[in-house]
Amino acid sequence: MNLPLYILAAGTNSQITYIWEKATIEAKVIIIFLVIFSMFAWSVMVSKSLQMRRARRLNDLFMAEFRAQRTVLDIHDRRVQVEGCPLFTVYQEGCVETEARLKQPDGSRKKHVSLKSMEHIKRTLESAVAREALALESGIILLALAVSGAPFLGLLGTVWGVMDTFAGVAQAGRADLAAMAPGVAAALITTVAGLLVAIPSMFGYNWLVHHLRVQTVELDNFAQELASKLETEFLKDE
């Protein structure tokens, strides 16, 4: 039962050890739950940070290649595959839809597509952008839950512990500091645990949301740029 204590206090503070021993079973359960919740929150923060960093690096490399190609379908025709690159995924889905609209029964490509076909291609790009944004956003909800829920769980443990302390004082029939202090101190540790979970999660959540918005805007801008190039190269004048 002392493991959560050492995770929270780094195992160096004898006062924390004493408070942990005086905590009620309800407070210990809440603290253990908060420690597990914190592990998940940190796991999400680390994994999403690495995912967004990798996506940003691959996006930069892909954009350099995309703007250097001779035709809009050049990368697609070379059957290049880039795993984990959101811009490439949007590009690939747009190219697949464009190729389907250009394909003729004999397997060759038409030189132009109609305005209606181009509208279908644009909707495909919009859907691809939405899916990639959702993929980047997945898991961040856990941090939002940690930010909003952890302090309330800590407060619940504190209120519960204080309630037990006052009930014990009432049953003992004496209300001195020696009788009340250990119970109150043990009750307050759950609030500390809740804040230790919520504060890092808050900073991580805000950082991830900011970078998520930046990458979503980049996806939107790329989809518009790709649609513009497709129109320039393949749209049939009506």
Protein backbone atom coordinates (compact mmCIF):
# COMPACT_ATOMS: atom_id res chain seq x y z
CA MET A 1 0.00 0.00 0.00
CA ASN A 2 3.00 2.34 0.25
CA LEU A 3 3.78 2.28 -3.51
CA PRO A 4 1.44 5.17 -4.45
CA LEU A 5 2.97 7.19 -1.64
CA TYR A 6 6.46 6.79 -3.03
CA ILE A 7 5.29 7.68 -6.52
CA LEU A 8 3.74 10.90 -5.22
CA ALA A 9 6.42 11.88 -2.71
CA ALA A 10 9.52 10.25 -4.26
CA GLY A 11 9.88 8.25 -1.07
CA THR A 12 11.91 10.94 0.76
CA ASN A 13 9.47 12.60 3.18
CA SER A 14 8.77 10.82 6.47
CA GLN A 15 5.89 13.20 7.16
CA ILE A 16 4.13 12.03 4.00
CA THR A 17 4.70 8.44 5.13
CA TYR A 18 3.09 9.23 8.47
CA ILE A 19 0.13 10.95 6.78
CA TRP A 20 -0.32 8.01 4.39
CA GLU A 21 -0.47 5.60 7.33
CA LYS A 22 -3.11 7.76 9.03
CA ALA A 23 -5.25 8.08 5.88
CA THR A 24 -8.56 6.25 5.72
CA ILE A 25 -9.09 3.35 3.35
CA GLU A 26 -11.31 5.59 1.20
CA ALA A 27 -8.51 8.17 0.88
CA LYS A 28 -5.99 5.47 -0.04
CA VAL A 29 -8.30 4.08 -2.72
CA ILE A 30 -8.77 7.56 -4.21
CA ILE A 31 -5.01 8.21 -4.17
CA ILE A 32 -4.26 4.88 -5.85
CA PHE A 33 -6.88 5.68 -8.50
CA LEU A 34 -5.33 9.11 -9.04
CA VAL A 35 -1.86 7.58 -9.41
CA ILE A 36 -3.15 5.19 -12.07
CA PHE A 37 -5.00 8.07 -13.74
CA SER A 38 -1.76 10.10 -13.69
CA MET A 39 0.13 7.26 -15.39
CA PHE A 40 -2.41 7.17 -18.20
CA ALA A 41 -2.33 10.97 -18.52
CA TRP A 42 1.47 11.04 -18.77
CA SER A 43 1.36 8.19 -21.28
CA VAL A 44 -1.05 10.18 -23.45
CA MET A 45 1.05 13.35 -23.18
CA VAL A 46 4.25 11.56 -24.19
CA SER A 47 2.72 9.49 -27.00
CA LYS A 48 0.74 12.39 -28.50
CA SER A 49 3.77 14.69 -28.28
CA LEU A 50 5.88 12.15 -30.17
CA GLN A 51 3.09 11.58 -32.69
CA MET A 52 2.66 15.30 -33.41
CA ARG A 53 6.40 15.87 -33.57
CA ARG A 54 6.80 13.04 -36.08
CA ALA A 55 3.78 14.24 -38.08
CA ARG A 56 5.21 17.77 -38.21
CA ARG A 57 8.59 16.52 -39.45
CA LEU A 58 7.04 14.27 -42.10
CA ASN A 59 4.67 17.05 -43.20
CA ASP A 60 7.61 19.39 -43.78
CA LEU A 61 9.45 16.76 -45.83
CA PHE A 62 6.34 15.92 -47.83
CA MET A 63 5.52 19.56 -48.59
CA ALA A 64 9.04 20.09 -49.96
CA GLU A 65 8.59 17.06 -52.24
CA PHE A 66 5.03 18.04 -53.19
CA ARG A 67 5.99 21.51 -54.34
CA ALA A 68 8.95 20.17 -56.30
CA GLN A 69 6.94 17.67 -58.36
CA ARG A 70 6.17 18.36 -62.01
CA THR A 71 2.53 17.30 -62.01
CA VAL A 72 0.05 17.06 -59.17
CA LEU A 73 -0.14 13.25 -59.46
CA ASP A 74 3.61 12.69 -59.77
CA ILE A 75 4.13 11.41 -56.20
CA HIS A 76 1.05 9.22 -56.46
CA ASP A 77 2.22 7.76 -59.77
CA ARG A 78 5.53 6.79 -58.18
CA ARG A 79 3.58 4.78 -55.57
CA VAL A 80 5.38 6.50 -52.71
CA GLN A 81 4.17 5.53 -49.21
CA VAL A 82 4.67 7.70 -46.14
CA GLU A 83 3.29 6.24 -42.93
CA GLY A 84 2.28 8.68 -40.20
CA CYS A 85 2.20 11.78 -42.43
CA PRO A 86 -1.23 13.48 -42.29
CA LEU A 87 -0.60 15.62 -45.38
CA PHE A 88 0.38 12.59 -47.42
CA THR A 89 -2.78 10.75 -46.35
CA VAL A 90 -4.92 13.68 -47.53
CA TYR A 91 -2.92 13.88 -50.75
CA GLN A 92 -3.21 10.13 -51.36
CA GLU A 93 -6.99 10.07 -50.91
CA GLY A 94 -7.39 13.07 -53.19
CA CYS A 95 -5.21 11.45 -55.85
CA VAL A 96 -7.08 8.14 -55.65
CA GLU A 97 -10.39 9.91 -56.14
CA THR A 98 -8.95 12.01 -58.98
CA GLU A 99 -7.52 8.94 -60.69
CA ALA A 100 -10.90 7.21 -60.44
CA ARG A 101 -12.55 10.21 -62.13
CA LEU A 102 -9.90 10.31 -64.86
CA LYS A 103 -9.81 6.60 -65.58
CA GLN A 104 -11.31 5.38 -68.86
CA PRO A 105 -12.58 1.87 -69.66
CA ASP A 106 -9.37 1.02 -71.51
CA GLY A 107 -7.26 1.95 -68.48
CA SER A 108 -5.93 5.23 -69.83
CA ARG A 109 -6.53 8.62 -68.25
CA LYS A 110 -8.66 11.43 -69.52
CA LYS A 111 -7.10 14.84 -69.67
CA HIS A 112 -9.92 16.59 -67.86
CA VAL A 113 -12.71 16.03 -65.36
CA SER A 114 -16.06 17.78 -65.14
CA LEU A 115 -16.98 20.37 -62.53
CA LYS A 116 -19.23 17.81 -60.83
CA SER A 117 -16.35 15.35 -60.56
CA MET A 118 -14.13 18.08 -59.12
CA GLU A 119 -16.74 18.76 -56.43
CA HIS A 120 -16.62 15.07 -55.47
CA ILE A 121 -12.83 15.29 -55.24
CA LYS A 122 -13.09 18.33 -52.96
CA ARG A 123 -15.50 16.52 -50.65
CA THR A 124 -13.08 13.59 -50.51
CA LEU A 125 -10.33 15.97 -49.45
CA GLU A 126 -12.54 17.51 -46.77
CA SER A 127 -13.39 14.07 -45.39
CA ALA A 128 -9.72 13.10 -45.34
CA VAL A 129 -8.82 16.28 -43.44
CA ALA A 130 -11.54 15.58 -40.86
CA ARG A 131 -10.35 11.99 -40.34
CA GLU A 132 -6.73 13.03 -39.90
CA ALA A 133 -7.70 15.76 -37.44
CA LEU A 134 -9.69 13.22 -35.41
CA ALA A 135 -6.74 10.81 -35.46
CA LEU A 136 -4.46 13.52 -34.07
CA GLU A 137 -7.05 14.45 -31.46
CA SER A 138 -7.69 10.90 -30.24
CA GLY A 139 -6.72 10.35 -26.61
CA ILE A 140 -6.58 14.04 -25.67
CA ILE A 141 -9.98 13.71 -24.00
CA LEU A 142 -8.23 11.76 -21.22
CA LEU A 143 -6.19 14.84 -20.36
CA ALA A 144 -9.33 16.97 -20.28
CA LEU A 145 -10.87 14.48 -17.87
CA ALA A 146 -7.73 14.58 -15.71
CA VAL A 147 -7.78 18.38 -15.59
CA SER A 148 -11.44 18.62 -14.66
CA GLY A 149 -11.93 15.42 -12.65
CA ALA A 150 -8.77 14.91 -10.60
CA PRO A 151 -9.23 17.96 -8.30
CA PHE A 152 -12.81 16.91 -7.56
CA LEU A 153 -11.70 13.37 -6.70
CA GLY A 154 -9.09 14.85 -4.38
CA LEU A 155 -11.68 17.13 -2.82
CA LEU A 156 -14.01 14.17 -2.34
CA GLY A 157 -11.29 12.34 -0.42
CA THR A 158 -10.56 15.41 1.68
CA VAL A 159 -14.21 16.03 2.60
CA TRP A 160 -14.66 12.35 3.36
CA GLY A 161 -11.56 12.29 5.56
CA VAL A 162 -12.55 15.44 7.44
CA MET A 163 -16.00 14.00 7.97
CA ASP A 164 -14.49 10.83 9.46
CA THR A 165 -12.17 12.92 11.64
CA PHE A 166 -15.00 14.97 13.12
CA ALA A 167 -17.07 11.85 13.61
CA GLY A 168 -14.18 10.28 15.55
CA VAL A 169 -13.75 13.42 17.64
CA ALA A 170 -17.45 13.43 18.46
CA GLN A 171 -17.34 9.77 19.51
CA ALA A 172 -14.22 10.33 21.62
CA GLY A 173 -15.81 13.33 23.32
CA ARG A 174 -12.73 15.55 23.08
CA ALA A 175 -11.73 18.10 20.44
CA ASP A 176 -8.03 18.87 20.93
CA LEU A 177 -5.38 19.41 18.28
CA ALA A 178 -3.66 16.09 18.91
CA ALA A 179 -6.88 14.22 18.12
CA MET A 180 -7.84 16.22 15.02
CA ALA A 181 -4.53 17.05 13.31
CA PRO A 182 -3.57 13.57 12.03
CA GLY A 183 -7.00 12.95 10.51
CA VAL A 184 -7.20 16.39 8.87
CA ALA A 185 -3.66 16.10 7.49
CA ALA A 186 -4.43 12.65 6.11
CA ALA A 187 -7.61 14.00 4.53
CA LEU A 188 -5.77 16.85 2.80
CA ILE A 189 -3.34 14.48 1.05
CA THR A 190 -6.04 13.48 -1.43
CA THR A 191 -6.42 17.11 -2.54
CA VAL A 192 -2.65 17.30 -3.03
CA ALA A 193 -2.76 14.10 -5.08
CA GLY A 194 -5.59 15.49 -7.22
CA LEU A 195 -3.66 18.68 -7.93
CA LEU A 196 -0.50 16.72 -8.77
CA VAL A 197 -2.50 14.93 -11.43
CA ALA A 198 -4.43 17.96 -12.72
CA ILE A 199 -1.65 20.56 -12.99
CA PRO A 200 0.71 18.65 -15.37
CA SER A 201 -2.32 17.45 -17.33
CA MET A 202 -3.50 21.05 -17.75
CA PHE A 203 -0.17 22.21 -19.20
CA GLY A 204 0.08 19.12 -21.41
CA TYR A 205 -3.50 19.50 -22.63
CA ASN A 206 -3.06 23.16 -23.56
CA TRP A 207 0.21 22.45 -25.36
CA LEU A 208 -1.28 19.57 -27.33
CA VAL A 209 -4.45 21.48 -28.22
CA HIS A 210 -2.37 24.38 -29.54
CA HIS A 211 -0.29 22.11 -31.78
CA LEU A 212 -3.41 20.21 -32.84
CA ARG A 213 -5.01 23.44 -34.03
CA VAL A 214 -1.86 24.38 -35.92
CA GLN A 215 -1.74 21.02 -37.69
CA THR A 216 -5.48 21.13 -38.45
CA VAL A 217 -5.06 24.54 -40.08
CA GLU A 218 -2.12 23.17 -42.08
CA LEU A 219 -4.28 20.26 -43.23
CA ASP A 220 -7.04 22.64 -44.34
CA ASN A 221 -4.59 24.88 -46.17
CA PHE A 222 -2.97 21.93 -47.91
CA ALA A 223 -6.34 20.52 -48.98
CA GLN A 224 -7.22 23.89 -50.53
CA GLU A 225 -3.84 24.11 -52.26
CA LEU A 226 -4.20 20.58 -53.60
CA ALA A 227 -7.75 21.25 -54.81
CA SER A 228 -6.54 24.40 -56.56
CA LYS A 229 -3.76 22.51 -58.36
CA LEU A 230 -6.14 19.74 -59.35
CA GLU A 231 -8.55 22.29 -60.78
CA THR A 232 -5.78 24.03 -62.68
CA GLU A 233 -4.47 20.78 -64.17
CA PHE A 234 -7.62 18.70 -64.72
CA LEU A 235 -10.79 20.81 -64.55
CA LYS A 236 -12.61 20.88 -67.83
CA ASP A 237 -13.76 24.30 -68.93
CA GLU A 238 -17.54 24.30 -69.27
